[in-house]
């Protein structure tokens, strides 16, 4: 493990911010690869020198190319991943494929899903969706059996978080997919907190949809999200949230109803976010080179180190102790957690705070063990100073 970890650290030079900060916040925003500057220059140079010709020479197919680069990380077949601008838009695209006026109109998920996803599905009540939100016993673990019991023959969709954002709990996706498919429901997996730090295979999981973004563990910046649709299912769906990119003949500018394109653009709407797609590529390249399996092994060790250090100080961790159910973040609820987080940021130790969670520490493949121990030592010092000040 030590040799593998040291090999991964050779990529530190690719992330300039690591020279001036302790960057432990990749669950929120991955560090920027230095190659992003070159990508943005390529974008502006093409726009400046090729003008409108940029569309036919690169831009039109860029979303499909980036989609394939993302999909390769979780074994999605080529041409099965669409690039949109955020996960909420991806969820809306999926929802627009279905009718909620019939008997099978339940949408089942838990109260640990990411709030933006909840907000979207709650709003679908106006379209006839019956929302069933399953309560959990704590803010760390999903009660899988309770969720399974709620999925029945009237369930249409099960939108779940692969990894819970507050606690880094890894859900039992296989069990959820098995139950949903047994009763005729579809599973929409939100893998935002998994992709790039947790190996998984959408074909083996047999999920119907998978979404997420490059903002976090993929070090790709804001503005690029992805939507995988199971290829055999994709052919049968007709999203009503659509636009000219989804038309079979977009440059025909035909009047009237759409004719859906058979390719992945079927699940897109309007003009692609070209700068965001360009920005996403350097991080994706690095993650492919490093390998998600290697990232996962290092993550297990560094999150275990964080758990152990927190325990030594008597601080509560709102994160699973079982490494097989723990993803890349450790949430530590030390005393005065919001104030501690603010003080850490002043010291260029980049973390974040979430209610019912605590201070979230998220080491990535480019972090050293020394950075972790130094960050926890800084917490101890801050708490000591607060006590003295009192």
Protein backbone atom coordinates (compact mmCIF):
# COMPACT_ATOMS: atom_id res chain seq x y z
CA UNK A 1 0.00 0.00 0.00
CA UNK A 2 2.81 2.43 0.85
CA UNK A 3 4.51 2.01 -2.53
CA UNK A 4 1.19 2.44 -4.35
CA UNK A 5 0.38 5.57 -2.35
CA UNK A 6 3.79 7.05 -3.09
CA UNK A 7 3.30 6.37 -6.79
CA UNK A 8 0.01 8.28 -6.75
CA UNK A 9 1.68 11.26 -5.11
CA UNK A 10 3.68 11.93 -8.27
CA UNK A 11 0.51 13.54 -9.61
CA UNK A 12 0.60 16.24 -6.93
CA UNK A 13 2.50 18.53 -9.27
CA UNK A 14 -0.47 18.46 -11.63
CA UNK A 15 -2.60 20.33 -9.07
CA UNK A 16 -1.18 23.81 -8.33
CA UNK A 17 -3.42 24.52 -5.31
CA UNK A 18 -1.73 21.69 -3.40
CA UNK A 19 1.38 23.85 -3.14
CA UNK A 20 -0.39 26.47 -1.02
CA UNK A 21 -3.19 24.62 0.80
CA UNK A 22 -4.05 21.37 2.52
CA UNK A 23 -6.78 20.30 0.13
CA UNK A 24 -9.19 17.94 1.89
CA UNK A 25 -12.42 18.93 0.20
CA UNK A 26 -12.58 16.84 -2.98
CA UNK A 27 -16.06 15.62 -2.03
CA UNK A 28 -17.23 19.19 -2.74
CA UNK A 29 -14.86 20.49 -5.41
CA UNK A 30 -11.87 18.58 -6.73
CA UNK A 31 -8.56 20.38 -7.05
CA UNK A 32 -8.00 21.96 -10.47
CA UNK A 33 -5.50 20.19 -12.76
CA UNK A 34 -2.98 22.55 -14.32
CA UNK A 35 -4.05 21.22 -17.73
CA UNK A 36 -7.33 23.11 -17.38
CA UNK A 37 -5.60 26.34 -18.38
CA UNK A 38 -4.46 24.73 -21.63
CA UNK A 39 -7.97 23.39 -22.26
CA UNK A 40 -9.49 26.82 -21.82
CA UNK A 41 -6.86 28.30 -24.12
CA UNK A 42 -7.74 25.67 -26.75
CA UNK A 43 -11.39 26.64 -26.43
CA UNK A 44 -10.78 30.36 -26.83
CA UNK A 45 -8.25 29.81 -29.61
CA UNK A 46 -10.69 27.70 -31.59
CA UNK A 47 -13.49 30.19 -31.12
CA UNK A 48 -11.16 33.03 -32.04
CA UNK A 49 -9.62 31.41 -35.14
CA UNK A 50 -12.32 29.06 -36.44
CA UNK A 51 -15.45 30.92 -35.40
CA UNK A 52 -18.67 29.13 -36.27
CA UNK A 53 -16.67 26.35 -37.97
CA UNK A 54 -15.75 25.17 -34.46
CA UNK A 55 -19.12 23.43 -34.23
CA UNK A 56 -18.51 21.02 -37.09
CA UNK A 57 -14.80 20.64 -36.35
CA UNK A 58 -15.06 19.81 -32.63
CA UNK A 59 -17.84 21.28 -30.55
CA UNK A 60 -20.90 19.40 -31.83
CA UNK A 61 -19.60 15.95 -30.85
CA UNK A 62 -17.69 17.05 -27.75
CA UNK A 63 -20.50 16.16 -25.34
CA UNK A 64 -20.60 12.62 -26.73
CA UNK A 65 -16.82 12.29 -26.50
CA UNK A 66 -16.72 13.48 -22.88
CA UNK A 67 -19.68 11.23 -22.09
CA UNK A 68 -17.71 8.23 -23.32
CA UNK A 69 -14.67 9.32 -21.27
CA UNK A 70 -16.82 9.49 -18.13
CA UNK A 71 -18.68 6.27 -18.92
CA UNK A 72 -15.42 4.34 -19.30
CA UNK A 73 -14.84 4.86 -15.56
CA UNK A 74 -17.89 2.73 -14.68
CA UNK A 75 -18.04 0.42 -17.73
CA UNK A 76 -20.85 2.16 -19.56
CA UNK A 77 -21.01 1.10 -23.22
CA UNK A 78 -19.88 3.77 -25.70
CA UNK A 79 -22.72 6.06 -26.68
CA UNK A 80 -24.75 5.50 -23.50
CA UNK A 81 -23.74 8.57 -21.45
CA UNK A 82 -25.15 12.04 -22.16
CA UNK A 83 -23.57 15.21 -20.79
CA UNK A 84 -25.90 17.78 -19.25
CA UNK A 85 -25.17 20.71 -16.94
CA UNK A 86 -26.14 19.42 -13.47
CA UNK A 87 -27.64 16.42 -11.73
CA UNK A 88 -31.02 18.09 -11.21
CA UNK A 89 -31.31 18.53 -14.98
CA UNK A 90 -30.42 14.85 -15.39
CA UNK A 91 -33.15 13.86 -12.92
CA UNK A 92 -35.63 16.09 -14.76
CA UNK A 93 -34.73 14.47 -18.07
CA UNK A 94 -35.44 11.02 -16.64
CA UNK A 95 -38.70 12.15 -15.04
CA UNK A 96 -39.87 13.60 -18.34
CA UNK A 97 -39.78 10.11 -19.87
CA UNK A 98 -42.60 8.88 -17.63
CA UNK A 99 -46.30 9.41 -17.01
CA UNK A 100 -47.38 9.74 -13.38
CA UNK A 101 -51.14 9.65 -13.93
CA UNK A 102 -51.54 5.87 -13.77
CA UNK A 103 -51.64 3.41 -10.89
CA UNK A 104 -47.86 2.85 -11.06
CA UNK A 105 -46.79 6.35 -10.03
CA UNK A 106 -44.83 6.02 -6.80
CA UNK A 107 -41.36 7.52 -6.47
CA UNK A 108 -39.54 5.92 -3.53
CA UNK A 109 -36.35 7.19 -1.89
CA UNK A 110 -34.94 7.87 1.57
CA UNK A 111 -34.52 11.01 3.64
CA UNK A 112 -30.73 10.74 3.24
CA UNK A 113 -30.82 11.54 -0.48
CA UNK A 114 -29.15 14.76 -1.58
CA UNK A 115 -31.63 17.62 -0.96
CA UNK A 116 -31.60 19.01 -4.52
CA UNK A 117 -32.80 15.64 -5.77
CA UNK A 118 -35.53 15.60 -3.11
CA UNK A 119 -36.66 19.09 -4.04
CA UNK A 120 -37.05 18.06 -7.66
CA UNK A 121 -39.04 14.92 -6.93
CA UNK A 122 -41.25 16.67 -4.37
CA UNK A 123 -42.19 19.12 -7.12
CA UNK A 124 -43.37 16.20 -9.26
CA UNK A 125 -46.39 15.77 -7.00
CA UNK A 126 -48.03 18.36 -9.26
CA UNK A 127 -47.61 15.91 -12.15
CA UNK A 128 -49.32 13.13 -10.19
CA UNK A 129 -46.28 11.47 -8.65
CA UNK A 130 -46.85 9.84 -5.26
CA UNK A 131 -43.72 10.54 -3.26
CA UNK A 132 -42.73 8.00 -0.61
CA UNK A 133 -39.79 9.19 1.45
CA UNK A 134 -38.48 6.45 3.74
CA UNK A 135 -37.23 7.63 7.13
CA UNK A 136 -33.97 6.30 8.56
CA UNK A 137 -32.95 5.75 12.17
CA UNK A 138 -29.91 8.05 11.99
CA UNK A 139 -28.11 10.37 9.59
CA UNK A 140 -25.37 7.86 8.79
CA UNK A 141 -26.87 4.61 7.51
CA UNK A 142 -29.71 3.85 5.12
CA UNK A 143 -32.14 1.28 6.53
CA UNK A 144 -32.00 -0.90 3.43
CA UNK A 145 -34.74 -3.31 4.49
CA UNK A 146 -37.13 -0.44 5.17
CA UNK A 147 -36.42 0.97 1.72
CA UNK A 148 -36.91 -2.42 0.08
CA UNK A 149 -40.23 -2.88 1.87
CA UNK A 150 -41.45 0.45 0.47
CA UNK A 151 -40.79 -0.57 -3.15
CA UNK A 152 -43.89 -2.31 -4.45
CA UNK A 153 -45.90 -3.02 -7.63
CA UNK A 154 -47.09 0.60 -7.72
CA UNK A 155 -43.54 1.99 -7.68
CA UNK A 156 -42.34 3.59 -10.90
CA UNK A 157 -38.96 5.06 -9.98
CA UNK A 158 -36.41 4.62 -7.18
CA UNK A 159 -33.93 7.54 -7.23
CA UNK A 160 -31.16 6.75 -4.74
CA UNK A 161 -27.78 8.14 -3.76
CA UNK A 162 -24.98 5.64 -4.34
CA UNK A 163 -22.99 7.29 -1.54
CA UNK A 164 -24.76 9.38 1.10
CA UNK A 165 -23.35 12.91 1.03
CA UNK A 166 -23.51 13.51 4.79
CA UNK A 167 -21.89 10.29 5.95
CA UNK A 168 -20.20 8.59 2.95
CA UNK A 169 -22.33 5.47 3.55
CA UNK A 170 -22.29 3.21 0.47
CA UNK A 171 -25.76 1.90 -0.29
CA UNK A 172 -26.55 -1.73 -1.13
CA UNK A 173 -27.35 -0.91 -4.75
CA UNK A 174 -27.54 -4.56 -5.82
CA UNK A 175 -30.33 -5.35 -3.36
CA UNK A 176 -32.28 -2.24 -4.31
CA UNK A 177 -32.02 -2.95 -8.04
CA UNK A 178 -33.08 -6.57 -7.53
CA UNK A 179 -36.23 -5.60 -5.62
CA UNK A 180 -37.12 -2.73 -7.94
CA UNK A 181 -36.79 -4.84 -11.08
CA UNK A 182 -38.70 -7.72 -9.49
CA UNK A 183 -41.75 -5.48 -9.10
CA UNK A 184 -41.29 -3.63 -12.39
CA UNK A 185 -39.74 -0.35 -11.14
CA UNK A 186 -36.72 1.56 -12.46
CA UNK A 187 -33.65 2.59 -10.46
CA UNK A 188 -32.04 6.01 -10.93
CA UNK A 189 -28.63 5.92 -9.25
CA UNK A 190 -26.97 9.21 -8.24
CA UNK A 191 -23.26 8.37 -8.18
CA UNK A 192 -21.95 11.91 -7.72
CA UNK A 193 -20.13 10.98 -4.49
CA UNK A 194 -18.92 7.65 -5.89
CA UNK A 195 -17.48 8.18 -9.36
CA UNK A 196 -13.74 8.68 -9.19
CA UNK A 197 -13.28 7.26 -5.70
CA UNK A 198 -15.38 4.07 -5.67
CA UNK A 199 -15.13 1.44 -8.43
CA UNK A 200 -18.47 0.25 -9.80
CA UNK A 201 -19.88 -1.20 -13.01
CA UNK A 202 -23.27 0.03 -14.25
CA UNK A 203 -23.72 -3.07 -16.37
CA UNK A 204 -23.10 -5.46 -13.48
CA UNK A 205 -25.29 -3.37 -11.18
CA UNK A 206 -27.93 -3.40 -13.95
CA UNK A 207 -29.15 0.08 -13.03
CA UNK A 208 -31.55 1.73 -15.44
CA UNK A 209 -30.11 5.22 -15.06
CA UNK A 210 -26.97 6.63 -13.47
CA UNK A 211 -26.15 10.28 -12.98
CA UNK A 212 -23.49 12.43 -11.36
CA UNK A 213 -20.97 15.11 -12.24
CA UNK A 214 -17.28 15.82 -12.69
CA UNK A 215 -17.21 18.61 -10.09
CA UNK A 216 -15.97 16.52 -7.18
CA UNK A 217 -13.75 13.43 -7.26
CA UNK A 218 -13.21 13.71 -11.03
CA UNK A 219 -11.56 17.13 -10.68
CA UNK A 220 -13.52 18.46 -13.65
CA UNK A 221 -15.04 21.71 -12.43
CA UNK A 222 -18.69 22.89 -12.52
CA UNK A 223 -21.01 22.69 -15.50
CA UNK A 224 -20.68 19.06 -16.63
CA UNK A 225 -22.98 16.33 -15.35
CA UNK A 226 -23.62 12.93 -16.89
CA UNK A 227 -26.65 10.74 -17.48
CA UNK A 228 -26.23 7.05 -18.30
CA UNK A 229 -29.29 5.29 -19.68
CA UNK A 230 -29.30 1.51 -20.05
CA UNK A 231 -28.95 1.05 -23.84
CA UNK A 232 -31.88 -1.33 -24.36
CA UNK A 233 -34.11 0.98 -22.32
CA UNK A 234 -32.90 4.16 -24.03
CA UNK A 235 -34.41 3.09 -27.34
CA UNK A 236 -37.89 2.98 -25.81
CA UNK A 237 -37.91 6.32 -23.99
CA UNK A 238 -39.13 9.67 -25.29
CA UNK A 239 -38.24 12.51 -22.90
CA UNK A 240 -40.60 15.46 -22.97
CA UNK A 241 -37.85 17.66 -21.56
CA UNK A 242 -36.12 17.92 -24.90
CA UNK A 243 -34.74 20.35 -27.45
CA UNK A 244 -33.15 20.61 -30.85
CA UNK A 245 -30.03 18.62 -29.88
CA UNK A 246 -32.34 15.65 -29.28
CA UNK A 247 -33.89 15.82 -32.75
CA UNK A 248 -32.98 13.24 -35.37
CA UNK A 249 -32.31 16.04 -37.88
CA UNK A 250 -31.37 19.10 -35.78
CA UNK A 251 -30.16 21.17 -38.69
CA UNK A 252 -33.34 20.55 -40.65
CA UNK A 253 -35.10 22.98 -38.32
CA UNK A 254 -38.36 21.16 -38.92
CA UNK A 255 -41.65 22.55 -37.64
CA UNK A 256 -43.81 20.52 -35.25
CA UNK A 257 -43.18 17.54 -33.00
CA UNK A 258 -39.72 16.12 -32.55
CA UNK A 259 -38.32 12.94 -34.04
CA UNK A 260 -35.88 11.61 -31.46
CA UNK A 261 -32.32 10.91 -32.50
CA UNK A 262 -31.26 7.29 -31.89
CA UNK A 263 -27.94 8.37 -30.35
CA UNK A 264 -27.16 9.61 -26.83
CA UNK A 265 -28.24 13.16 -27.70
CA UNK A 266 -31.79 11.81 -27.36
CA UNK A 267 -31.51 12.80 -23.69
CA UNK A 268 -30.15 16.29 -24.24
CA UNK A 269 -31.91 19.58 -24.77
CA UNK A 270 -30.16 22.68 -26.14
CA UNK A 271 -26.65 23.96 -26.74
CA UNK A 272 -23.86 22.12 -24.93
CA UNK A 273 -21.72 23.90 -22.34
CA UNK A 274 -18.53 23.73 -24.40
CA UNK A 275 -16.15 25.49 -21.95
CA UNK A 276 -17.25 23.18 -19.11
CA UNK A 277 -16.75 20.10 -21.29
CA UNK A 278 -13.23 21.24 -22.19
CA UNK A 279 -12.43 21.91 -18.53
CA UNK A 280 -13.60 18.41 -17.58
CA UNK A 281 -11.13 16.56 -19.79
CA UNK A 282 -7.77 17.03 -17.97
CA UNK A 283 -9.15 15.64 -14.70
CA UNK A 284 -10.78 12.70 -16.47
CA UNK A 285 -7.47 11.87 -18.13
CA UNK A 286 -5.64 11.86 -14.79
CA UNK A 287 -8.28 9.73 -13.06
CA UNK A 288 -8.07 7.17 -15.88
CA UNK A 289 -4.27 7.07 -15.55
CA UNK A 290 -4.32 6.76 -11.77
CA UNK A 291 -7.09 4.13 -11.78
CA UNK A 292 -10.17 4.16 -9.58
CA UNK A 293 -9.18 0.84 -7.98
CA UNK A 294 -5.92 2.43 -6.79
CA UNK A 295 -7.76 5.51 -5.57
CA UNK A 296 -10.15 3.30 -3.62
CA UNK A 297 -7.38 1.38 -1.86
CA UNK A 298 -5.64 4.57 -0.78
CA UNK A 299 -8.95 6.10 0.28
CA UNK A 300 -9.71 3.17 2.58
CA UNK A 301 -6.39 3.69 4.35
CA UNK A 302 -6.65 7.45 4.70
CA UNK A 303 -10.27 7.43 5.86
CA UNK A 304 -9.29 4.76 8.41
CA UNK A 305 -6.53 7.09 9.61
CA UNK A 306 -9.04 9.90 10.03
CA UNK A 307 -11.44 7.62 11.91
CA UNK A 308 -8.64 6.51 14.24
CA UNK A 309 -7.44 10.07 14.94
CA UNK A 310 -10.98 11.22 15.67
CA UNK A 311 -11.47 8.31 18.05
CA UNK A 312 -8.24 9.14 19.88
CA UNK A 313 -9.61 12.62 20.58
CA UNK A 314 -13.04 11.34 21.58
CA UNK A 315 -14.80 13.06 18.69
CA UNK A 316 -17.93 11.56 17.16
CA UNK A 317 -17.66 10.39 13.55
CA UNK A 318 -20.85 10.43 11.49
CA UNK A 319 -19.36 7.96 9.03
CA UNK A 320 -19.58 4.15 8.83
CA UNK A 321 -16.84 2.27 10.64
CA UNK A 322 -17.02 -0.60 8.15
CA UNK A 323 -14.56 0.29 5.35
CA UNK A 324 -16.62 -1.70 2.83
CA UNK A 325 -19.56 0.65 3.47
CA UNK A 326 -17.46 3.83 3.76
CA UNK A 327 -16.62 5.94 0.72
CA UNK A 328 -14.09 8.79 0.57
CA UNK A 329 -15.24 11.19 3.29
CA UNK A 330 -15.05 11.18 7.09
CA UNK A 331 -17.48 13.51 8.86
CA UNK A 332 -16.19 14.50 12.30
CA UNK A 333 -18.56 16.18 14.73
CA UNK A 334 -16.06 17.70 17.14
CA UNK A 335 -17.14 20.45 19.61
CA UNK A 336 -17.92 23.81 17.96
CA UNK A 337 -17.69 22.16 14.55
CA UNK A 338 -18.91 25.15 12.47
CA UNK A 339 -16.40 27.48 14.14
CA UNK A 340 -13.62 24.92 13.82
CA UNK A 341 -14.34 24.62 10.10
CA UNK A 342 -14.14 28.38 9.68
CA UNK A 343 -10.80 28.50 11.49
CA UNK A 344 -9.39 25.65 9.40
CA UNK A 345 -10.27 27.55 6.25
CA UNK A 346 -8.40 30.61 7.56
CA UNK A 347 -5.35 28.36 7.88
CA UNK A 348 -5.70 27.17 4.27
CA UNK A 349 -6.85 23.74 5.40
CA UNK A 350 -9.78 23.30 3.02
CA UNK A 351 -12.69 21.30 4.42
CA UNK A 352 -16.41 21.98 4.80
CA UNK A 353 -19.18 21.72 7.39
CA UNK A 354 -22.63 20.18 6.95
CA UNK A 355 -25.46 20.16 9.52
CA UNK A 356 -26.11 16.72 11.09
CA UNK A 357 -22.72 15.71 9.76
CA UNK A 358 -19.89 17.82 11.13
CA UNK A 359 -16.65 18.84 9.46
CA UNK A 360 -16.10 16.73 6.34
CA UNK A 361 -12.54 15.64 5.55
CA UNK A 362 -12.16 14.17 2.06
CA UNK A 363 -8.63 13.07 1.12
CA UNK A 364 -8.03 12.14 -2.51
CA UNK A 365 -5.19 10.27 -4.24
CA UNK A 366 -3.07 13.44 -4.23
CA UNK A 367 -3.14 13.89 -0.45
CA UNK A 368 -0.39 12.75 1.94
CA UNK A 369 -0.90 11.10 5.31
CA UNK A 370 1.05 14.00 6.83
CA UNK A 371 -1.56 16.44 5.57
CA UNK A 372 -4.22 14.45 7.40
CA UNK A 373 -2.37 14.30 10.70
CA UNK A 374 -1.49 18.00 10.45
CA UNK A 375 -5.13 18.91 9.79
CA UNK A 376 -6.29 17.00 12.86
CA UNK A 377 -3.49 18.57 14.92
CA UNK A 378 -4.78 21.96 13.77
CA UNK A 379 -8.28 21.04 14.99
CA UNK A 380 -6.83 20.14 18.40
CA UNK A 381 -4.99 23.46 18.53
CA UNK A 382 -8.08 25.45 17.52
CA UNK A 383 -10.21 23.76 20.18
CA UNK A 384 -7.48 24.42 22.77
CA UNK A 385 -7.42 28.10 21.84
CA UNK A 386 -11.21 28.28 22.06
CA UNK A 387 -11.08 26.79 25.55
CA UNK A 388 -8.40 29.22 26.65
CA UNK A 389 -10.40 32.10 25.20
CA UNK A 390 -13.47 31.05 27.14
